Amino acid sequence: MTVDSTLHFRKNSTLKCYHVTSSSTAIQSELLTAMDSPTEIANDVAPAKSKALNAIKAASYSSHARPSLNERILSSMSRRAVAAHPWHDLEIGPGAPTIFNCVVEIPRGSKVKYELDKKSGLIKVDRILYSSVVYPHNYGFIPRTLCEDADPLDVLIIMQEPVLPGCFLRAKAIGLMPMIDQGEKDDKIIAVCADDPEYRHYTDIKELPPHRLAEIRRFFEDYKKNENKEVAVNDFLPAEDASKAIQHSMDLYADYIVEALRR
């Protein structure tokens, strides 16, 4: 709210005229100084003094008044548009479930277990791995997917270079690694970076060298051993099964998350 008022008063026998708005703090200060000195004010400007005081009070009140609920909601939405949530705001991409966007949580070669904080959308440090192993490839999640453990679908992305946590990239599913973590299903999509010239031509997990698959399996079998947590890795499945798993998680997200937001 902006308060406009044209004020006339006499100071040192000089008639002054000011156009006051809520932002005219310097003029308002002079007005108050003048109007607080009765000997310098002519009797015929008393109404102007009252009008000035009311204008300044209104401006002061409007600048400190608590915003309405709608204003607070709109402000929150405006901030939300800037700080996007990677799980919900990032699109999975038009090529899903074959080629899709994914968010990297953990870079290749890291011993730090980063993960998505689902409430804030930030990447947080969960723990340092207890075992003497590091992540063999970039690891993250696929946005707008949901699994039975209430988390987005995990993905391991094979590519030449490590990627910073929080970045997203295009990946291509080439296989599925069925995994049981402490008795619960925790499958991993195996993918390659769709924009890496060394790996983008891969279409199925059977095209990878056997040692690469053994390396991936051994990491997931060992990385929780020193925490006394049991992990079982089953045989790798082809790209077709990976696409089906991604589509299933996309459908779960639509059924539960999107519908919940609509309600």
Protein backbone atom coordinates (compact mmCIF):
# COMPACT_ATOMS: atom_id res chain seq x y z
CA MET A 1 0.00 0.00 0.00
CA THR A 2 1.36 3.46 -1.00
CA VAL A 3 0.02 6.55 0.77
CA ASP A 4 -0.11 9.78 -1.26
CA SER A 5 -0.85 13.12 0.33
CA THR A 6 -0.12 16.74 -0.63
CA LEU A 7 0.72 18.70 2.49
CA HIS A 8 0.97 22.47 3.03
CA PHE A 9 2.48 24.02 6.14
CA ARG A 10 4.40 27.08 7.19
CA LYS A 11 7.97 26.84 8.58
CA ASN A 12 10.06 29.95 9.23
CA SER A 13 7.36 32.03 7.50
CA THR A 14 7.80 30.04 4.28
CA LEU A 15 4.95 28.06 2.82
CA LYS A 16 6.14 24.59 1.87
CA CYS A 17 4.31 21.97 -0.18
CA TYR A 18 5.28 18.28 -0.18
CA HIS A 19 3.87 15.28 -1.97
CA VAL A 20 4.25 12.47 0.57
CA THR A 21 4.37 8.78 -0.18
CA SER A 22 5.10 5.85 2.11
CA SER A 23 8.70 5.83 0.87
CA SER A 24 9.37 9.55 1.48
CA THR A 25 11.07 8.94 4.83
CA ALA A 26 13.31 12.03 4.72
CA ILE A 27 10.40 14.35 3.98
CA GLN A 28 8.25 12.64 6.61
CA SER A 29 10.97 13.28 9.18
CA GLU A 30 11.07 16.97 8.31
CA LEU A 31 7.29 17.13 8.44
CA LEU A 32 7.25 15.69 11.92
CA THR A 33 9.98 18.08 13.08
CA ALA A 34 8.08 21.06 11.73
CA MET A 35 4.75 19.96 13.11
CA ASP A 36 6.17 19.25 16.53
CA SER A 37 7.13 22.96 16.87
CA PRO A 38 3.85 24.82 17.51
CA THR A 39 5.48 28.23 17.41
CA GLU A 40 6.50 27.61 13.80
CA ILE A 41 3.12 26.44 12.59
CA ALA A 42 0.31 28.71 11.56
CA ASN A 43 -3.09 27.90 12.95
CA ASP A 44 -4.50 27.49 9.46
CA VAL A 45 -2.34 24.40 8.80
CA ALA A 46 -3.59 22.33 11.75
CA PRO A 47 -5.72 20.17 9.42
CA ALA A 48 -2.63 19.51 7.30
CA LYS A 49 -0.74 18.35 10.40
CA SER A 50 -3.46 15.89 11.22
CA LYS A 51 -3.56 14.68 7.64
CA ALA A 52 0.21 14.23 7.58
CA LEU A 53 0.24 12.25 10.80
CA ASN A 54 -2.51 9.98 9.52
CA ALA A 55 -0.68 9.46 6.24
CA ILE A 56 2.58 8.59 7.99
CA LYS A 57 0.87 6.25 10.45
CA ALA A 58 -0.89 4.49 7.58
CA ALA A 59 2.38 4.13 5.68
CA SER A 60 4.15 2.81 8.77
CA TYR A 61 1.36 0.34 9.47
CA SER A 62 1.26 -0.91 5.91
CA SER A 63 5.02 -1.55 5.90
CA HIS A 64 4.88 -3.60 9.11
CA ALA A 65 1.50 -5.32 8.74
CA ARG A 66 1.57 -9.10 8.62
CA PRO A 67 0.89 -10.33 5.06
CA SER A 68 -2.34 -12.17 4.43
CA LEU A 69 -2.45 -15.95 4.09
CA ASN A 70 -2.80 -15.72 0.31
CA GLU A 71 0.21 -13.41 0.10
CA ARG A 72 2.29 -15.81 2.19
CA ILE A 73 1.26 -18.75 0.00
CA LEU A 74 2.09 -16.87 -3.20
CA SER A 75 5.43 -15.81 -1.72
CA SER A 76 6.20 -19.41 -0.78
CA MET A 77 5.30 -20.60 -4.27
CA SER A 78 7.55 -17.94 -5.77
CA ARG A 79 10.49 -19.11 -3.66
CA ARG A 80 9.62 -22.74 -4.48
CA ALA A 81 9.87 -22.00 -8.19
CA VAL A 82 13.45 -20.89 -7.68
CA ALA A 83 14.51 -23.71 -5.34
CA ALA A 84 13.08 -26.63 -7.32
CA HIS A 85 12.73 -30.06 -5.70
CA PRO A 86 14.73 -32.54 -7.81
CA TRP A 87 12.38 -35.46 -7.12
CA HIS A 88 9.13 -33.70 -7.97
CA ASP A 89 9.97 -30.69 -10.16
CA LEU A 90 12.49 -32.25 -12.56
CA GLU A 91 10.75 -33.98 -15.46
CA ILE A 92 11.71 -37.56 -16.19
CA GLY A 93 11.97 -36.75 -19.90
CA PRO A 94 10.03 -37.62 -23.07
CA GLY A 95 12.12 -40.74 -23.79
CA ALA A 96 11.25 -42.52 -20.53
CA PRO A 97 11.33 -45.34 -19.59
CA THR A 98 14.22 -46.04 -21.99
CA ILE A 99 16.08 -42.72 -21.86
CA PHE A 100 15.43 -40.55 -18.83
CA ASN A 101 16.74 -37.78 -16.61
CA CYS A 102 18.39 -38.80 -13.37
CA VAL A 103 19.89 -36.89 -10.45
CA VAL A 104 23.35 -37.83 -9.22
CA GLU A 105 23.64 -38.16 -5.45
CA ILE A 106 27.03 -39.89 -5.17
CA PRO A 107 29.96 -39.42 -7.56
CA ARG A 108 32.09 -42.28 -8.79
CA GLY A 109 34.99 -42.98 -6.42
CA SER A 110 33.29 -41.55 -3.33
CA LYS A 111 33.20 -43.18 0.09
CA VAL A 112 30.63 -40.63 1.26
CA LYS A 113 27.03 -41.84 1.14
CA TYR A 114 25.09 -38.79 -0.02
CA GLU A 115 21.33 -39.01 -0.39
CA LEU A 116 18.30 -36.88 -1.17
CA ASP A 117 16.64 -35.18 1.79
CA LYS A 118 13.05 -35.71 0.70
CA LYS A 119 11.66 -32.84 2.76
CA SER A 120 13.97 -30.04 1.59
CA GLY A 121 15.10 -31.42 -1.76
CA LEU A 122 18.75 -30.89 -0.83
CA ILE A 123 21.50 -33.51 -1.03
CA LYS A 124 22.69 -34.44 2.47
CA VAL A 125 25.48 -36.58 3.88
CA ASP A 126 23.95 -39.79 5.21
CA ARG A 127 27.16 -41.47 6.39
CA ILE A 128 30.68 -42.50 5.48
CA LEU A 129 30.84 -46.09 4.26
CA TYR A 130 32.06 -48.46 6.96
CA SER A 131 33.76 -50.79 4.48
CA SER A 132 36.95 -50.08 2.54
CA VAL A 133 35.10 -49.60 -0.75
CA VAL A 134 34.06 -46.67 -2.95
CA TYR A 135 31.19 -46.29 -5.36
CA PRO A 136 32.30 -47.79 -8.70
CA HIS A 137 30.07 -45.47 -10.75
CA ASN A 138 27.86 -42.41 -10.34
CA TYR A 139 24.78 -43.25 -8.31
CA GLY A 140 21.47 -41.43 -7.95
CA PHE A 141 17.73 -41.57 -8.52
CA ILE A 142 15.15 -41.11 -11.26
CA PRO A 143 12.76 -38.16 -10.70
CA ARG A 144 9.00 -38.65 -10.58
CA THR A 145 9.31 -42.34 -9.76
CA LEU A 146 8.27 -44.17 -6.61
CA CYS A 147 9.18 -47.58 -5.20
CA GLU A 148 7.64 -49.74 -2.51
CA ASP A 149 10.14 -48.37 0.03
CA ALA A 150 8.66 -44.85 -0.50
CA ASP A 151 11.84 -43.65 -2.23
CA PRO A 152 12.49 -42.78 -5.88
CA LEU A 153 13.99 -45.51 -8.05
CA ASP A 154 17.77 -45.92 -7.68
CA VAL A 155 20.09 -45.88 -10.68
CA LEU A 156 23.79 -46.61 -11.20
CA ILE A 157 25.14 -44.63 -14.17
CA ILE A 158 28.22 -45.91 -16.00
CA MET A 159 30.24 -43.14 -17.64
CA GLN A 160 33.78 -41.85 -17.99
CA GLU A 161 33.81 -39.14 -15.33
CA PRO A 162 32.49 -38.55 -11.79
CA VAL A 163 29.61 -36.06 -11.56
CA LEU A 164 28.98 -33.60 -8.73
CA PRO A 165 26.12 -34.40 -6.33
CA GLY A 166 22.93 -32.59 -7.29
CA CYS A 167 23.60 -32.49 -11.03
CA PHE A 168 21.25 -34.23 -13.41
CA LEU A 169 21.99 -35.96 -16.70
CA ARG A 170 20.35 -38.08 -19.38
CA ALA A 171 20.77 -41.81 -18.90
CA LYS A 172 19.84 -44.91 -20.87
CA ALA A 173 18.68 -48.06 -19.09
CA ILE A 174 20.63 -51.17 -20.07
CA GLY A 175 19.76 -53.55 -17.24
CA LEU A 176 18.30 -54.23 -13.82
CA MET A 177 20.08 -55.51 -10.72
CA PRO A 178 17.54 -57.14 -8.39
CA MET A 179 18.65 -56.61 -4.79
CA ILE A 180 17.34 -57.40 -1.32
CA ASP A 181 18.52 -55.04 1.42
CA GLN A 182 17.80 -56.32 4.95
CA GLY A 183 14.84 -58.31 3.71
CA GLU A 184 13.35 -55.51 1.59
CA LYS A 185 13.31 -55.12 -2.18
CA ASP A 186 15.81 -52.45 -3.30
CA ASP A 187 16.40 -52.96 -7.03
CA LYS A 188 18.89 -50.84 -8.96
CA ILE A 189 18.65 -49.68 -12.55
CA ILE A 190 21.94 -50.08 -14.41
CA ALA A 191 22.34 -47.33 -16.99
CA VAL A 192 24.88 -45.55 -19.16
CA CYS A 193 25.15 -41.81 -19.72
CA ALA A 194 23.24 -41.07 -22.93
CA ASP A 195 25.63 -38.23 -23.74
CA ASP A 196 28.94 -40.01 -23.10
CA PRO A 197 30.54 -40.96 -26.45
CA GLU A 198 32.29 -43.96 -24.89
CA TYR A 199 29.17 -45.57 -23.41
CA ARG A 200 26.09 -44.21 -25.20
CA HIS A 201 26.15 -47.01 -27.82
CA TYR A 202 25.46 -49.70 -25.17
CA THR A 203 21.90 -51.01 -25.31
CA ASP A 204 21.94 -54.02 -22.97
CA ILE A 205 23.82 -55.09 -19.88
CA LYS A 206 25.15 -58.24 -21.55
CA GLU A 207 27.34 -55.98 -23.72
CA LEU A 208 29.37 -54.90 -20.69
CA PRO A 209 32.60 -56.76 -19.88
CA PRO A 210 32.02 -59.56 -17.33
CA HIS A 211 34.52 -57.96 -14.97
CA ARG A 212 32.44 -54.74 -14.91
CA LEU A 213 29.37 -56.68 -13.78
CA ALA A 214 31.39 -58.58 -11.16
CA GLU A 215 32.74 -55.27 -9.85
CA ILE A 216 29.23 -53.81 -9.47
CA ARG A 217 27.89 -56.92 -7.78
CA ARG A 218 30.80 -57.13 -5.32
CA PHE A 219 30.43 -53.50 -4.30
CA PHE A 220 26.77 -53.87 -3.32
CA GLU A 221 27.42 -57.18 -1.58
CA ASP A 222 30.22 -55.67 0.53
CA TYR A 223 29.37 -52.01 1.18
CA LYS A 224 27.20 -52.71 4.23
CA LYS A 225 29.00 -55.72 5.68
CA ASN A 226 30.81 -53.79 8.40
CA GLU A 227 27.45 -52.35 9.48
CA ASN A 228 26.19 -55.90 10.05
CA LYS A 229 23.53 -55.40 7.37
CA GLU A 230 22.74 -58.18 4.95
CA VAL A 231 22.47 -57.47 1.23
CA ALA A 232 21.71 -60.07 -1.45
CA VAL A 233 22.26 -59.40 -5.15
CA ASN A 234 20.50 -61.59 -7.71
CA ASP A 235 21.34 -62.15 -11.38
CA PHE A 236 21.34 -59.11 -13.65
CA LEU A 237 18.32 -58.72 -15.92
CA PRO A 238 18.23 -57.23 -19.44
CA ALA A 239 17.24 -53.74 -20.59
CA GLU A 240 13.63 -54.80 -21.18
CA ASP A 241 13.20 -55.59 -17.49
CA ALA A 242 14.80 -52.28 -16.55
CA SER A 243 12.30 -50.37 -18.71
CA LYS A 244 9.42 -52.27 -17.13
CA ALA A 245 10.69 -51.45 -13.63
CA ILE A 246 11.00 -47.76 -14.51
CA GLN A 247 7.51 -47.67 -15.99
CA HIS A 248 6.11 -49.38 -12.90
CA SER A 249 7.75 -46.80 -10.64
CA MET A 250 6.42 -43.98 -12.84
CA ASP A 251 2.91 -45.40 -12.49
CA LEU A 252 3.27 -45.67 -8.71
CA TYR A 253 4.37 -42.05 -8.55
CA ALA A 254 1.35 -40.97 -10.59
CA ASP A 255 -1.03 -43.06 -8.49
CA TYR A 256 0.19 -41.97 -5.07
CA ILE A 257 2.20 -38.74 -5.21
CA VAL A 258 0.36 -36.89 -7.98
CA GLU A 259 -3.07 -37.90 -6.71
CA ALA A 260 -2.12 -36.89 -3.17
CA LEU A 261 -1.04 -33.45 -4.41
CA ARG A 262 -4.31 -33.02 -6.31
CA ARG A 263 -6.32 -33.77 -3.18
